Structures are given as C-alpha cells and as structure tokens.
Protein backbone atom coordinates (compact mmCIF):
# COMPACT_ATOMS: atom_id res chain seq x y z
CA MET A 1 83.77 78.42 100.00
CA GLU A 2 85.17 81.94 100.28
CA PHE A 3 84.16 82.17 103.93
CA ILE A 4 85.92 78.88 104.70
CA ALA A 5 89.03 80.05 102.85
CA PHE A 6 89.02 83.31 104.84
CA CYS A 7 88.72 81.41 108.14
CA LEU A 8 91.58 79.08 107.18
CA LEU A 9 93.75 82.05 106.21
CA SER A 10 93.01 83.70 109.57
CA PHE A 11 93.86 80.50 111.43
CA LEU A 12 97.08 80.11 109.46
CA ALA A 13 98.01 83.68 110.39
CA VAL A 14 97.57 82.87 114.09
CA VAL A 15 99.73 79.74 113.82
CA THR A 16 102.46 81.60 111.91
CA LEU A 17 102.53 84.43 114.45
CA ILE A 18 102.72 82.03 117.40
CA LEU A 19 105.53 79.99 115.85
CA GLU A 20 107.22 83.06 114.35
CA SER A 21 108.06 80.88 111.39
CA ASN A 22 109.50 82.56 108.31
CA SER A 23 109.20 79.26 106.44
CA ILE A 24 105.43 79.00 107.03
CA LEU A 25 105.04 82.65 106.02
CA LYS A 26 107.05 82.25 102.81
CA TYR A 27 106.06 78.79 101.64
CA ILE A 28 102.53 78.35 102.98
CA TYR A 29 100.87 81.63 103.98
CA ILE A 30 101.84 83.79 101.01
CA PRO A 31 100.91 81.12 98.41
CA SER A 32 97.64 80.70 100.34
CA THR A 33 96.86 84.40 99.87
CA PHE A 34 97.11 83.97 96.11
CA ILE A 35 94.79 80.96 96.25
CA PHE A 36 92.37 82.89 98.45
CA LEU A 37 92.24 85.81 96.01
CA ILE A 38 91.61 83.45 93.10
CA ILE A 39 88.63 82.14 95.09
CA VAL A 40 87.51 85.74 95.70
CA ARG A 41 87.59 86.52 91.96
CA LEU A 42 85.86 83.27 91.04
CA GLN A 43 83.14 84.17 93.52
CA ALA A 44 82.77 87.63 91.99
CA PHE A 45 82.78 86.71 88.30
CA TYR A 46 81.40 83.19 88.17
CA TYR A 47 79.28 82.69 91.29
CA ASN A 48 77.53 86.08 91.51
CA GLY A 49 79.42 87.56 94.45
CA PHE A 50 78.36 90.67 96.32
CA GLU A 51 81.25 92.87 95.12
CA ILE A 52 79.30 95.84 93.71
CA ASP A 53 82.27 98.06 92.90
CA ILE A 54 84.15 95.18 91.27
CA ILE A 55 81.27 94.71 88.86
CA THR A 56 81.35 98.45 88.14
CA TYR A 57 85.07 98.24 87.36
CA THR A 58 84.32 95.34 85.04
CA THR A 59 82.06 97.61 83.01
CA GLU A 60 84.51 100.50 83.05
CA MET A 61 87.50 98.42 81.93
CA GLN A 62 85.73 97.61 78.68
CA SER A 63 85.70 101.27 77.69
CA SER A 64 88.12 102.94 75.30
CA LEU A 65 91.79 103.36 76.22
CA VAL A 66 91.26 107.06 75.63
CA LEU A 67 90.18 108.66 78.91
CA GLU A 68 87.30 110.86 77.87
CA SER A 69 86.56 112.99 80.95
CA PHE A 70 88.22 114.74 83.87
CA TYR A 71 86.75 112.12 86.23
CA TYR A 72 89.07 109.52 84.67
CA ILE A 73 92.00 111.81 83.84
CA ARG A 74 92.53 112.93 87.44
CA GLU A 75 93.09 109.26 88.38
CA PHE A 76 94.44 108.20 85.02
CA ILE A 77 96.93 105.60 86.28
CA PHE A 78 94.24 103.26 87.56
CA TRP A 79 91.72 103.77 84.76
CA PHE A 80 94.25 103.46 81.95
CA THR A 81 95.94 100.44 83.56
CA ILE A 82 92.72 98.52 84.11
CA ARG A 83 91.54 99.22 80.56
CA LEU A 84 94.93 98.27 79.11
CA LEU A 85 94.99 94.98 81.02
CA TYR A 86 91.50 94.17 79.82
CA TRP A 87 92.51 95.04 76.24
CA LEU A 88 95.42 92.59 76.58
CA THR A 89 93.55 89.77 78.35
CA GLU A 90 89.95 90.33 77.19
CA SER A 91 88.95 88.92 80.56
CA PRO A 92 87.78 90.79 83.70
CA PHE A 93 88.78 87.77 85.77
CA PHE A 94 92.39 87.71 84.57
CA THR A 95 92.61 91.50 84.70
CA PHE A 96 91.91 91.41 88.42
CA ILE A 97 94.18 88.41 88.96
CA ILE A 98 97.05 90.41 87.45
CA LEU A 99 96.20 93.44 89.59
CA ASP A 100 95.99 91.23 92.68
CA PHE A 101 99.40 89.76 91.90
CA LEU A 102 100.81 93.29 91.58
CA TRP A 103 99.51 94.57 94.90
CA ILE A 104 100.54 91.45 96.83
CA THR A 105 104.02 91.77 95.34
CA LEU A 106 104.18 95.42 96.41
CA LEU A 107 102.93 94.51 99.88
CA ILE A 108 105.65 91.88 100.27
CA LYS A 109 108.29 94.31 98.98
CA SER A 110 107.12 96.90 101.52
CA THR A 111 108.45 94.65 104.31
CA LYS A 112 111.77 93.72 102.66
CA LYS A 113 113.72 96.41 104.52
CA ILE A 114 112.47 95.26 107.93
CA LYS A 115 115.38 93.25 109.32
CA SER A 116 114.33 91.08 112.23
CA ASN A 117 114.71 87.52 113.48
CA ASN A 118 111.24 87.50 115.04
CA LEU A 119 109.02 87.62 111.93
CA GLY A 120 109.41 91.39 111.70
CA HIS A 121 108.38 91.36 108.05
CA GLY A 122 105.18 89.41 108.75
CA VAL A 123 102.78 92.36 108.80
CA ILE A 124 100.90 90.75 105.89
CA LEU A 125 99.64 88.20 108.44
CA VAL A 126 97.72 90.96 110.22
CA LEU A 127 96.76 92.99 107.17
CA MET A 128 95.44 90.29 104.87
CA THR A 129 92.38 89.39 106.94
CA SER A 130 91.84 92.82 108.50
CA PHE A 131 88.57 94.54 107.67
CA PRO A 132 90.22 97.47 105.80
CA PHE A 133 91.85 94.93 103.49
CA LEU A 134 88.67 92.87 103.11
CA PHE A 135 86.64 95.92 102.06
CA GLY A 136 89.54 96.86 99.81
CA TYR A 137 90.08 93.77 97.70
CA GLU A 138 86.39 92.89 97.79
CA ASN A 139 84.87 96.27 96.98
CA ILE A 140 86.66 99.66 97.18
CA TYR A 141 89.44 98.35 94.96
CA ARG A 142 90.76 101.56 93.43
CA GLN A 143 91.33 103.16 96.82
CA PHE A 144 92.79 99.91 98.11
CA PHE A 145 95.24 99.49 95.22
CA ALA A 146 96.40 103.09 95.62
CA THR A 147 96.88 102.51 99.36
CA ILE A 148 99.17 99.54 98.73
CA VAL A 149 101.27 101.61 96.32
CA LEU A 150 101.40 104.32 98.98
CA LEU A 151 102.41 101.82 101.67
CA TYR A 152 105.27 100.67 99.48
CA ALA A 153 106.30 104.31 99.04
CA TYR A 154 106.17 104.71 102.83
CA SER A 155 108.47 101.72 103.30
CA CYS A 156 111.04 103.24 100.91
CA ILE A 157 111.15 106.72 102.36
CA ASN A 158 114.20 106.24 104.60
CA TYR A 159 116.18 104.35 101.96
CA ASN A 160 115.26 105.95 98.65
CA TYR A 161 113.54 109.29 99.12
CA PHE A 162 113.19 110.06 95.41
CA LYS A 163 111.59 106.68 94.73
CA SER A 164 109.21 107.25 97.62
CA VAL A 165 108.13 110.64 96.21
CA VAL A 166 107.55 109.14 92.75
CA LEU A 167 105.47 106.31 94.20
CA PHE A 168 103.52 108.82 96.27
CA LEU A 169 102.56 110.70 93.09
CA ILE A 170 101.62 107.44 91.38
CA SER A 171 99.29 106.59 94.26
CA VAL A 172 97.67 110.04 94.14
CA PHE A 173 96.90 109.64 90.44
CA THR A 174 95.56 106.18 91.17
CA HIS A 175 93.18 107.59 93.78
CA ASN A 176 93.26 111.28 94.76
CA LEU A 177 92.31 110.52 98.35
CA MET A 178 95.92 109.44 98.95
CA LEU A 179 96.78 113.13 99.37
CA PHE A 180 95.39 112.87 102.89
CA VAL A 181 98.30 110.60 103.85
CA LEU A 182 100.88 113.31 103.11
CA PRO A 183 101.16 114.35 106.81
CA ILE A 184 102.26 110.80 107.67
CA PHE A 185 105.00 110.92 105.04
CA VAL A 186 106.14 114.35 106.21
CA ILE A 187 106.39 113.31 109.85
CA LYS A 188 108.40 110.22 108.91
CA LYS A 189 110.85 112.07 106.66
CA PHE A 190 110.86 115.44 104.96
CA TYR A 191 114.14 116.44 103.38
CA LYS A 192 116.61 117.34 106.17
CA PHE A 193 114.11 118.62 108.74
CA ASN A 194 114.47 117.15 112.22
CA LEU A 195 111.70 115.21 113.93
CA LYS A 196 110.36 118.15 115.92
CA ASP A 197 110.11 120.36 112.83
CA ARG A 198 108.52 117.55 110.80
CA SER A 199 105.90 117.11 113.52
CA VAL A 200 104.96 120.80 113.33
CA ILE A 201 104.78 120.75 109.52
CA SER A 202 102.71 117.56 109.59
CA PHE A 203 100.33 119.16 112.10
CA LEU A 204 99.88 122.24 109.92
CA ILE A 205 99.20 120.13 106.80
CA SER A 206 96.65 118.05 108.71
CA ILE A 207 94.81 121.16 109.90
CA SER A 208 94.92 122.62 106.38
CA TYR A 209 93.31 119.49 104.96
CA ILE A 210 90.46 119.71 107.44
CA LEU A 211 89.86 123.39 106.63
CA LEU A 212 89.98 122.73 102.86
CA LEU A 213 87.80 119.64 103.01
CA PRO A 214 84.56 121.34 101.83
CA PHE A 215 86.32 122.44 98.62
CA PHE A 216 87.79 118.98 98.12
CA LEU A 217 84.37 117.35 98.47
CA ASN A 218 83.09 119.37 95.52
CA LEU A 219 85.70 117.70 93.31
CA LYS A 220 85.32 114.15 94.49
CA SER A 221 82.48 111.68 94.98
CA PHE A 222 82.59 109.00 97.66
CA ASP A 223 80.76 105.75 98.16
CA THR A 224 80.47 104.20 101.57
CA THR A 225 81.83 100.79 102.47
CA GLN A 226 78.26 99.81 103.46
CA VAL A 227 78.88 100.23 107.20
CA ASP A 228 79.45 103.45 109.12
CA LEU A 229 82.34 102.97 111.50
CA SER A 230 83.39 106.62 111.77
CA LEU A 231 82.74 106.80 115.52
CA LEU A 232 84.58 103.53 116.06
CA TYR A 233 87.59 104.88 114.16
CA LEU A 234 87.63 108.01 116.30
CA VAL A 235 87.53 105.93 119.50
CA LEU A 236 90.21 103.59 118.18
CA PHE A 237 92.71 106.29 117.21
CA SER A 238 92.01 108.38 120.31
CA SER A 239 92.41 105.39 122.66
CA LEU A 240 95.69 104.38 121.07
CA MET A 241 96.94 107.96 121.21
CA ILE A 242 96.12 108.28 124.93
CA PHE A 243 97.66 104.89 125.72
CA PHE A 244 100.93 105.59 123.92
CA MET A 245 101.13 109.16 125.18
CA PHE A 246 101.10 107.69 128.66
CA LYS A 247 103.62 104.99 127.73
CA PHE A 248 106.02 107.49 126.14
CA LYS A 249 105.30 110.34 128.54
CA GLN A 250 109.01 110.76 129.28
CA ASN A 251 109.73 111.53 125.62
CA VAL A 252 106.83 112.10 123.25
CA LEU A 253 109.21 112.37 120.31
CA ASN A 254 110.02 108.69 120.80
CA LEU A 255 106.33 107.97 120.31
CA ILE A 256 106.36 109.84 117.00
CA LYS A 257 109.55 108.08 115.99
CA ASN A 258 108.14 104.61 116.72
CA LEU A 259 104.57 105.21 115.50
CA PRO A 260 104.78 108.13 113.04
CA SER A 261 101.33 107.49 111.56
CA LEU A 262 99.46 107.76 114.87
CA PHE A 263 99.84 111.49 115.57
CA PRO A 264 98.68 112.90 112.20
CA SER A 265 95.99 110.21 111.88
CA CYS A 266 94.43 111.26 115.18
CA ILE A 267 94.38 114.91 114.14
CA ILE A 268 92.78 114.15 110.77
CA ILE A 269 90.15 111.75 112.13
CA LEU A 270 89.29 114.07 115.02
CA GLY A 271 88.93 117.02 112.63
CA LEU A 272 86.77 115.08 110.19
CA SER A 273 84.59 113.84 113.05
CA ILE A 274 84.05 117.39 114.28
CA ILE A 275 83.03 118.46 110.78
CA GLY A 276 80.60 115.55 110.83
CA HIS A 277 81.23 114.07 107.38
CA GLU A 278 80.86 110.37 108.18
CA MET A 279 81.38 109.13 104.64
CA ILE A 280 84.81 110.62 104.03
CA THR A 281 85.85 109.92 107.64
CA GLU A 282 85.12 106.28 106.99
CA ARG A 283 87.09 106.16 103.74
CA ILE A 284 90.14 108.02 105.04
CA SER A 285 90.16 105.96 108.24
CA MET A 286 90.33 102.80 106.14
CA ILE A 287 93.55 104.11 104.62
CA LEU A 288 95.10 105.39 107.84
CA ILE A 289 94.43 102.15 109.74
CA ILE A 290 96.61 100.25 107.27
CA PHE A 291 99.53 102.58 108.01
CA LEU A 292 98.87 102.32 111.73
CA ILE A 293 98.96 98.51 111.56
CA TYR A 294 102.17 98.68 109.55
CA ASP A 295 103.88 100.98 112.08
CA PHE A 296 102.56 99.11 115.11
CA TYR A 297 103.69 95.74 113.80
CA PHE A 298 107.12 97.16 113.03
CA TYR A 299 107.22 98.50 116.58
CA THR A 300 106.56 94.99 117.97
CA SER A 301 109.63 93.67 116.13
CA LYS A 302 111.73 95.84 118.46
CA ILE A 303 110.33 94.10 121.56
CA THR A 304 112.74 91.46 122.80
CA LYS A 305 110.40 89.60 125.17
CA LYS A 306 108.54 87.06 123.05
CA THR A 307 105.39 86.82 125.20
CA THR A 308 104.86 90.58 125.05
CA ARG A 309 105.63 90.73 121.33
CA LEU A 310 103.33 87.80 120.56
CA SER A 311 100.50 89.17 122.72
CA LEU A 312 100.58 92.53 120.93
CA ARG A 313 100.67 90.93 117.48
CA LEU A 314 97.79 88.59 118.24
CA ALA A 315 95.82 91.49 119.74
CA LEU A 316 96.47 93.44 116.55
CA LEU A 317 95.30 90.52 114.42
CA PHE A 318 92.13 89.92 116.42
CA LEU A 319 91.30 93.62 116.76
CA PHE A 320 91.11 94.11 112.99
CA THR A 321 89.95 90.64 111.88
CA VAL A 322 87.13 89.93 114.36
CA PRO A 323 84.99 92.87 113.07
CA VAL A 324 84.74 91.03 109.73
CA PHE A 325 82.62 88.40 111.49
CA LEU A 326 80.50 90.94 113.38
CA PHE A 327 79.04 93.04 110.56
CA GLU A 328 76.57 91.86 107.99
CA SER A 329 78.07 94.12 105.32
CA SER A 330 81.47 92.39 105.53
CA LEU A 331 80.02 88.88 105.78
CA LYS A 332 78.09 89.46 102.54
CA PHE A 333 81.39 89.56 100.70
CA LEU A 334 82.36 86.13 101.99
CA PHE A 335 79.17 84.27 101.08
C-alpha cells in the first residue's frame, strides 16, 4: 500500500509540474502528502514496517523528560520534544503524526517568500519523493527534522536575519550535524559582507570543517542509511559544478548568487571523499542535496521559457526520485 501511495504521489508531482497548477499543488498534492505520511506511520507502527530508527525513537520517547546524559543534552531540542509529545499523547503513532505535520508546515513556509507565477514555490513536488527525503521521514528522522528546520532558516535569511540565526541554532541542537551547513548560510548572507567576501569566508569555514573532522567524529556517532552513495554524491556535485561553471563562465559570482549551496557543498563533499570517511560523507550529502534542490528549483523559476523550465524541473524530479526504485535499501521502506 505504501509503495502504491508513493508511486501515486510521484505521478501527481509530474502532472502538477507539467500543468504548473497552483490549485493542484494546494488542494490535491499537499493534502496527499499528509495522507501518504499517515500511511507511512501506519506501516511502521501497525504493519511491521522496516523503519529501524523509527522503532528506536519509539523506545527513546518513552523515557523520562529529564535528559540524563550528554548524548541527549547536546541535541536536547529533539529528545525533549519527542518525549514531551509522547507524554501528552501516550502514542508513538500520534507523536510522529504531530512531528510530520510540523515539518511539512515548515517546508511549505520555506517557499512562501518565493514569488512566481510559474509554480516557483512548488519545490515540495521535487523534494517529497526524492531519496534524501524518503530516507529522512522513513528512517534517519532526527537528522531529517533538523534539516527541514534549517531549510526554513535558509529561506528566511534575506528577510529576517535574526530569525534565521535563531532557527539555525535550533536545528543544530536538534541534530549537531547541521553545523556543516554553516558555509551555505554564510555564502548566502553574512551580515554586511559582499558576495565575494562571503565566498572567501565560506571557503575557509568549509576547509576548517574538513580539517577538524577527526575531532568531530570522536564526539558523534553515525549510522548509515543502508546504502553507500558517497561516490555518487561526489560525481553529482562535481558534475553540476563543472556544468554551471561553464554556463556562468562570464561571471562566476552570478553562479554563486543563483546557486549559493553548490560551491560550499562541492568543497565539503570533495574534502570528505579525500579523507575517505564514507559514512559521514553519505549523511552530510543527504543534507546538502536538499539545499541544492531548493536552490536549483528556485533558479528554474527565473527561467521565462516554459519548455526549458519544465525540462529542468522534471529532470530534477526524476534524478532524485528514480534512485528510490533502484536500490533495495530504499524499496524496503515502501513494502
């Protein structure tokens, strides 16, 4: 049932993108995402789904509201919230339904400022069935929830800088790995620094993270998403970087302005790949891809020719949805 629902949601995304219909997005697609996530939770809690981490969170949420160790305190926002919701609902199912409602709401709000007549705020159509999202709401939920909070912070940065900073801190204390996204925030906006200066600062932060990674790994444990795609991520980011460098060769700063997440993401993924730590490369890439999709989709809303805009959006959708059907680890979540 979950697999069928996922396929229908993917098909609905294609139709909505082709028609560029705000009405279908608002009145059919978004309600369908809520229905789909209810099916996902029913599968997990009542039909013995494959979501290993979700079952772990179910055990953890039944613990005391008092966070008893540094492991929980350093990411206290998530652990306290999930335990509080369970204390209020006394139901793992409804706890996750509430959390799902929260992150979908934040995802929708993250596109509110995108003003466009060509479905410019429809990035949820690409994200919802993408493999980083699937692994997120099906398994690596804490990282995923923090990423959505961070994406909302990213969407606010040009309109309410203080709010963006506060949300950034909230995401970090939801999952500490969000610190690795700081270079993307810096390159997009950092006080009154100009774009060239922000690019240099972002580069230096990215390099610093790579150099400090061994120390960071001693403080944090990581579980894989059950499939190693680290090499694929490196090829993906590198290919996109080369393509857009060629496209914007007359003015590289325009590339950074249109796709701010691409430059620091490439540096971080390349550095992590050189170090050879596949596990953390995989987890950080999952986060960075979401920001790349967000920026790329926003970039397509600036394209006036519909055929070009539609082709790029459909390519984006297929590029990140098709892998779900190719790997056994992702298909296990849907059956």
